[in-house]
Protein backbone atom coordinates (compact mmCIF):
# COMPACT_ATOMS: atom_id res chain seq x y z
CA MET A 1 64.23 113.07 94.31
CA ARG A 2 67.22 111.23 93.02
CA MET A 3 67.97 110.46 89.33
CA LYS A 4 71.20 108.74 88.70
CA VAL A 5 71.90 108.96 84.96
CA GLY A 6 74.54 107.00 82.67
CA ILE A 7 75.32 108.11 79.04
CA ILE A 8 77.37 105.80 76.99
CA GLN A 9 77.58 104.96 73.21
CA SER A 10 75.76 102.04 71.77
CA CYS A 11 77.77 98.69 71.53
CA TYR A 12 77.37 95.56 69.48
CA LEU A 13 76.31 92.57 72.07
CA PRO A 14 78.49 94.31 74.69
CA TRP A 15 80.47 92.73 77.68
CA ARG A 16 78.61 92.32 81.05
CA GLY A 17 79.99 95.40 82.49
CA TYR A 18 77.89 97.43 80.10
CA PHE A 19 74.83 95.92 81.71
CA ASP A 20 76.04 96.22 85.24
CA PHE A 21 76.29 100.07 84.19
CA ILE A 22 72.73 100.24 82.97
CA ARG A 23 71.55 98.45 86.11
CA ASP A 24 73.38 100.89 88.20
CA VAL A 25 71.39 104.08 86.79
CA ASP A 26 67.84 105.10 86.89
CA LEU A 27 67.94 106.40 83.47
CA PHE A 28 70.30 105.08 80.63
CA VAL A 29 71.09 107.09 77.45
CA PHE A 30 72.49 105.69 74.32
CA PHE A 31 74.94 108.42 73.20
CA ASP A 32 73.71 107.96 69.43
CA ASP A 33 74.20 111.30 68.05
CA THR A 34 78.12 111.45 68.89
CA GLN A 35 80.80 110.41 66.43
CA PHE A 36 80.97 106.85 65.18
CA THR A 37 84.47 105.45 65.89
CA ARG A 38 86.15 102.84 63.38
CA ARG A 39 87.63 99.66 64.87
CA ASP A 40 85.52 100.09 68.06
CA TRP A 41 83.02 98.38 70.21
CA ARG A 42 80.05 100.04 68.34
CA ASN A 43 79.92 97.48 65.53
CA ARG A 44 82.04 94.49 66.99
CA ASN A 45 82.63 92.48 69.96
CA LYS A 46 84.46 89.20 71.00
CA ILE A 47 83.32 85.56 71.54
CA LYS A 48 85.29 82.99 73.45
CA THR A 49 86.55 79.85 71.60
CA ALA A 50 89.04 77.09 71.98
CA GLN A 51 91.50 78.98 69.76
CA GLY A 52 90.98 82.08 72.09
CA PRO A 53 88.70 85.26 71.53
CA VAL A 54 87.48 85.77 68.21
CA TRP A 55 86.11 89.32 66.84
CA ILE A 56 82.47 89.25 65.36
CA THR A 57 81.89 92.47 63.35
CA VAL A 58 78.92 94.11 61.83
CA SER A 59 79.79 95.53 58.40
CA VAL A 60 78.93 99.11 58.11
CA ASN A 61 78.78 101.23 55.16
CA ASP A 62 81.59 103.85 54.36
CA VAL A 63 82.28 106.08 57.32
CA TYR A 64 83.13 109.92 56.91
CA ALA A 65 84.99 111.58 59.42
CA SER A 66 81.96 113.38 61.63
CA GLN A 67 79.51 110.66 60.84
CA SER A 68 77.07 109.87 63.83
CA ILE A 69 76.57 106.61 65.22
CA PHE A 70 72.73 106.94 64.25
CA ASP A 71 73.77 107.70 60.56
CA THR A 72 75.89 104.73 60.12
CA GLY A 73 74.20 102.37 58.02
CA ILE A 74 74.74 98.58 58.11
CA ASP A 75 76.11 96.79 54.95
CA TYR A 76 74.19 93.66 54.31
CA ALA A 77 76.14 92.86 51.13
CA HIS A 78 78.42 90.83 53.19
CA ASP A 79 76.63 88.12 55.14
CA TRP A 80 77.93 88.81 58.49
CA PRO A 81 74.76 87.80 60.20
CA GLN A 82 75.10 84.19 59.17
CA ARG A 83 78.83 84.23 60.04
CA HIS A 84 77.94 85.47 63.51
CA ILE A 85 75.29 82.85 64.08
CA ASN A 86 77.60 80.05 62.91
CA LEU A 87 80.22 81.07 65.31
CA PHE A 88 77.68 81.14 68.12
CA ARG A 89 76.37 77.85 66.98
CA GLN A 90 80.12 76.38 66.74
CA TRP A 91 81.21 77.60 70.11
CA TYR A 92 78.34 77.85 72.16
CA SER A 93 76.01 75.01 71.34
CA LYS A 94 77.13 72.70 74.08
CA ALA A 95 76.79 75.61 76.71
CA PRO A 96 74.12 74.73 79.34
CA PHE A 97 71.76 77.37 78.55
CA TYR A 98 72.52 77.92 74.80
CA SER A 99 68.96 76.81 73.85
CA ASP A 100 67.20 79.17 76.08
CA TYR A 101 68.62 82.41 74.14
CA ALA A 102 69.98 81.18 70.64
CA GLU A 103 66.86 81.16 68.48
CA GLU A 104 65.82 84.67 69.93
CA LEU A 105 69.04 86.01 69.33
CA PHE A 106 69.63 84.79 65.93
CA ALA A 107 66.19 86.19 64.88
CA LEU A 108 67.33 89.65 66.09
CA ILE A 109 70.59 89.29 64.18
CA ARG A 110 68.88 88.31 60.82
CA THR A 111 66.41 91.08 60.85
CA PRO A 112 67.63 93.95 58.64
CA ARG A 113 68.08 97.15 60.43
CA ARG A 114 68.78 100.69 58.84
CA THR A 115 71.69 101.82 61.33
CA ILE A 116 74.37 100.20 63.64
CA SER A 117 72.36 102.38 66.27
CA ASP A 118 69.19 100.49 65.46
CA LEU A 119 70.61 97.09 65.69
CA ASN A 120 72.68 97.79 69.00
CA VAL A 121 69.45 99.47 70.69
CA VAL A 122 67.16 96.47 69.86
CA LEU A 123 69.81 93.88 71.07
CA THR A 124 70.72 95.64 74.25
CA GLN A 125 66.93 96.00 75.08
CA TRP A 126 66.55 92.30 74.50
CA ILE A 127 69.46 91.54 76.79
CA VAL A 128 68.06 93.87 79.42
CA ALA A 129 64.95 92.10 79.50
CA LYS A 130 66.69 88.82 79.82
CA LEU A 131 68.58 90.11 82.89
CA GLY A 132 65.67 91.53 84.51
CA ILE A 133 66.90 94.98 84.24
CA LYS A 134 64.12 97.59 84.83
CA THR A 135 66.03 100.96 84.09
CA GLU A 136 64.70 103.46 81.55
CA LEU A 137 66.47 103.63 78.26
CA HIS A 138 66.60 106.56 75.87
CA LEU A 139 68.44 108.11 73.03
CA SER A 140 70.64 111.14 73.40
CA SER A 141 69.04 112.35 69.95
CA GLU A 142 65.81 112.72 71.71
CA TYR A 143 67.17 115.68 73.80
CA HIS A 144 68.92 117.46 70.92
CA PRO A 145 72.25 117.96 73.19
CA GLN A 146 74.11 121.28 72.63
CA GLY A 147 77.89 121.93 73.27
CA LEU A 148 80.90 119.46 73.14
CA LYS A 149 82.21 116.89 75.25
CA THR A 150 81.47 117.65 78.92
CA GLU A 151 78.94 120.59 78.01
CA ARG A 152 77.03 118.02 75.82
CA LEU A 153 76.85 115.52 78.66
CA ILE A 154 75.68 118.66 81.08
CA ASP A 155 73.20 119.66 78.62
CA ILE A 156 71.63 116.22 78.73
CA LEU A 157 71.67 115.81 82.38
CA LYS A 158 70.00 119.03 83.00
CA LYS A 159 67.16 118.24 80.66
CA VAL A 160 66.61 114.98 82.67
CA LYS A 161 67.02 116.58 85.53
CA ALA A 162 69.86 114.41 86.95
CA THR A 163 71.20 114.48 90.28
CA ALA A 164 74.07 112.02 89.74
CA TYR A 165 76.02 110.94 86.63
CA VAL A 166 77.79 107.68 86.40
CA SER A 167 80.76 107.63 83.80
CA GLY A 168 82.83 105.01 82.66
CA PRO A 169 86.50 105.13 83.90
CA SER A 170 87.88 105.99 80.59
CA ALA A 171 86.32 109.38 80.39
CA ARG A 172 88.30 110.88 83.34
CA ASP A 173 90.94 112.11 81.04
CA TYR A 174 88.79 114.58 79.32
CA MET A 175 85.83 115.15 82.01
CA GLN A 176 85.78 118.77 83.18
CA GLU A 177 84.78 117.74 86.97
CA ASP A 178 84.43 121.57 87.89
CA ARG A 179 81.38 121.82 85.66
CA PHE A 180 79.57 118.92 87.63
CA ARG A 181 80.28 120.81 90.97
CA GLU A 182 79.01 124.00 89.48
CA GLU A 183 75.82 122.24 88.25
CA LYS A 184 75.69 120.47 91.66
CA ILE A 185 75.42 116.92 89.79
CA ARG A 186 77.19 114.29 91.73
CA LEU A 187 80.14 112.28 89.40
CA GLU A 188 80.92 108.71 89.82
CA TYR A 189 83.30 106.67 87.74
CA LYS A 190 82.02 103.21 87.31
CA ASN A 191 83.79 100.50 88.92
CA TYR A 192 84.60 97.25 86.54
CA ASP A 193 85.59 94.31 89.05
CA TYR A 194 83.98 90.88 88.26
CA ALA A 195 83.86 87.72 89.75
CA PRO A 196 84.65 84.69 87.17
CA TYR A 197 81.82 82.63 86.27
CA PRO A 198 81.71 78.91 84.61
CA GLN A 199 82.72 79.30 81.15
CA LEU A 200 83.62 76.81 78.08
CA TRP A 201 87.15 76.61 76.45
CA GLY A 202 89.81 76.80 78.98
CA ASP A 203 90.98 79.61 81.51
CA PHE A 204 88.32 82.40 82.21
CA ASN A 205 88.16 85.44 80.03
CA GLY A 206 85.84 88.12 81.07
CA ALA A 207 86.52 90.51 78.11
CA VAL A 208 83.81 88.89 75.78
CA THR A 209 80.21 89.35 74.77
CA VAL A 210 77.65 89.16 77.50
CA MET A 211 76.06 86.47 75.57
CA ASP A 212 78.82 84.13 76.83
CA LEU A 213 77.69 84.72 80.52
CA LEU A 214 73.97 84.08 79.49
CA PHE A 215 74.91 80.78 77.63
CA ASN A 216 76.91 79.68 80.27
CA THR A 217 74.88 80.63 83.23
CA GLY A 218 71.29 81.31 82.19
CA PRO A 219 69.08 82.46 84.93
CA GLU A 220 72.03 82.82 87.08
CA ALA A 221 73.75 85.48 85.12
CA VAL A 222 72.45 88.32 87.01
CA THR A 223 74.40 86.88 90.24
CA TYR A 224 77.81 87.45 88.11
CA LEU A 225 76.56 91.06 86.92
CA LYS A 226 77.41 93.25 89.79
CA SER A 227 80.94 94.66 90.23
CA ARG A 228 82.85 93.70 93.35
CA GLY A 229 83.89 97.12 94.01
CA PRO A 230 81.93 100.49 94.60
CA ASN A 231 82.29 103.51 92.09
CA GLU A 232 84.80 106.14 92.85
CA VAL A 233 83.02 109.33 93.67
CA ALA A 234 84.61 112.42 92.04
CA VAL A 235 82.40 115.02 93.02
CA ASP A 236 80.05 114.58 95.90
CA ILE A 237 77.17 117.01 96.20
């Protein structure tokens, strides 16, 4: 029986490629017990405005060198939720499907969460449901993975009885592909190549949160979700 698995760190309101990745697998694992990285997608993303892309960032508590994503607390001393809500209202209120998603999104953003992992997972689950994606979602911490880098991934994959693994293309530089051959697990690198969709504010920019896609295309969002190219197969079993 086929079991295609993907494992990626959680992100704050990720771009559409993240959700194409989730839809491409049978089981998606949030890599939540790996190290939190500063100035990265874990706690920020971009929205499109008339002045170009603008960062929206979740304030987090002080981060030490080896702090995990699931240990990274959110800092509510700064009212970042209201800033994000104000920016969405300012730049998307005229989008065709803004009213279909805005208040639910804002309620989720306003609700206090203990960690950035908690917030990201809740938001991702909500967006997955809006996109009609049926992939099973889990946390890597549920599997108590052992080892480092590739070995840590392999440990999770063996525990869930994976027959195939989909990786982001940027992981190629450190991936030990021979280990997938040894374990007889197919290895694919995700292809991210997407068609433009109707969008506010000038020339198309796809490197923004998936909320841009939902606000602009609504129920048609899923038709813009699939990459135009196939995944690259690195290890074929």
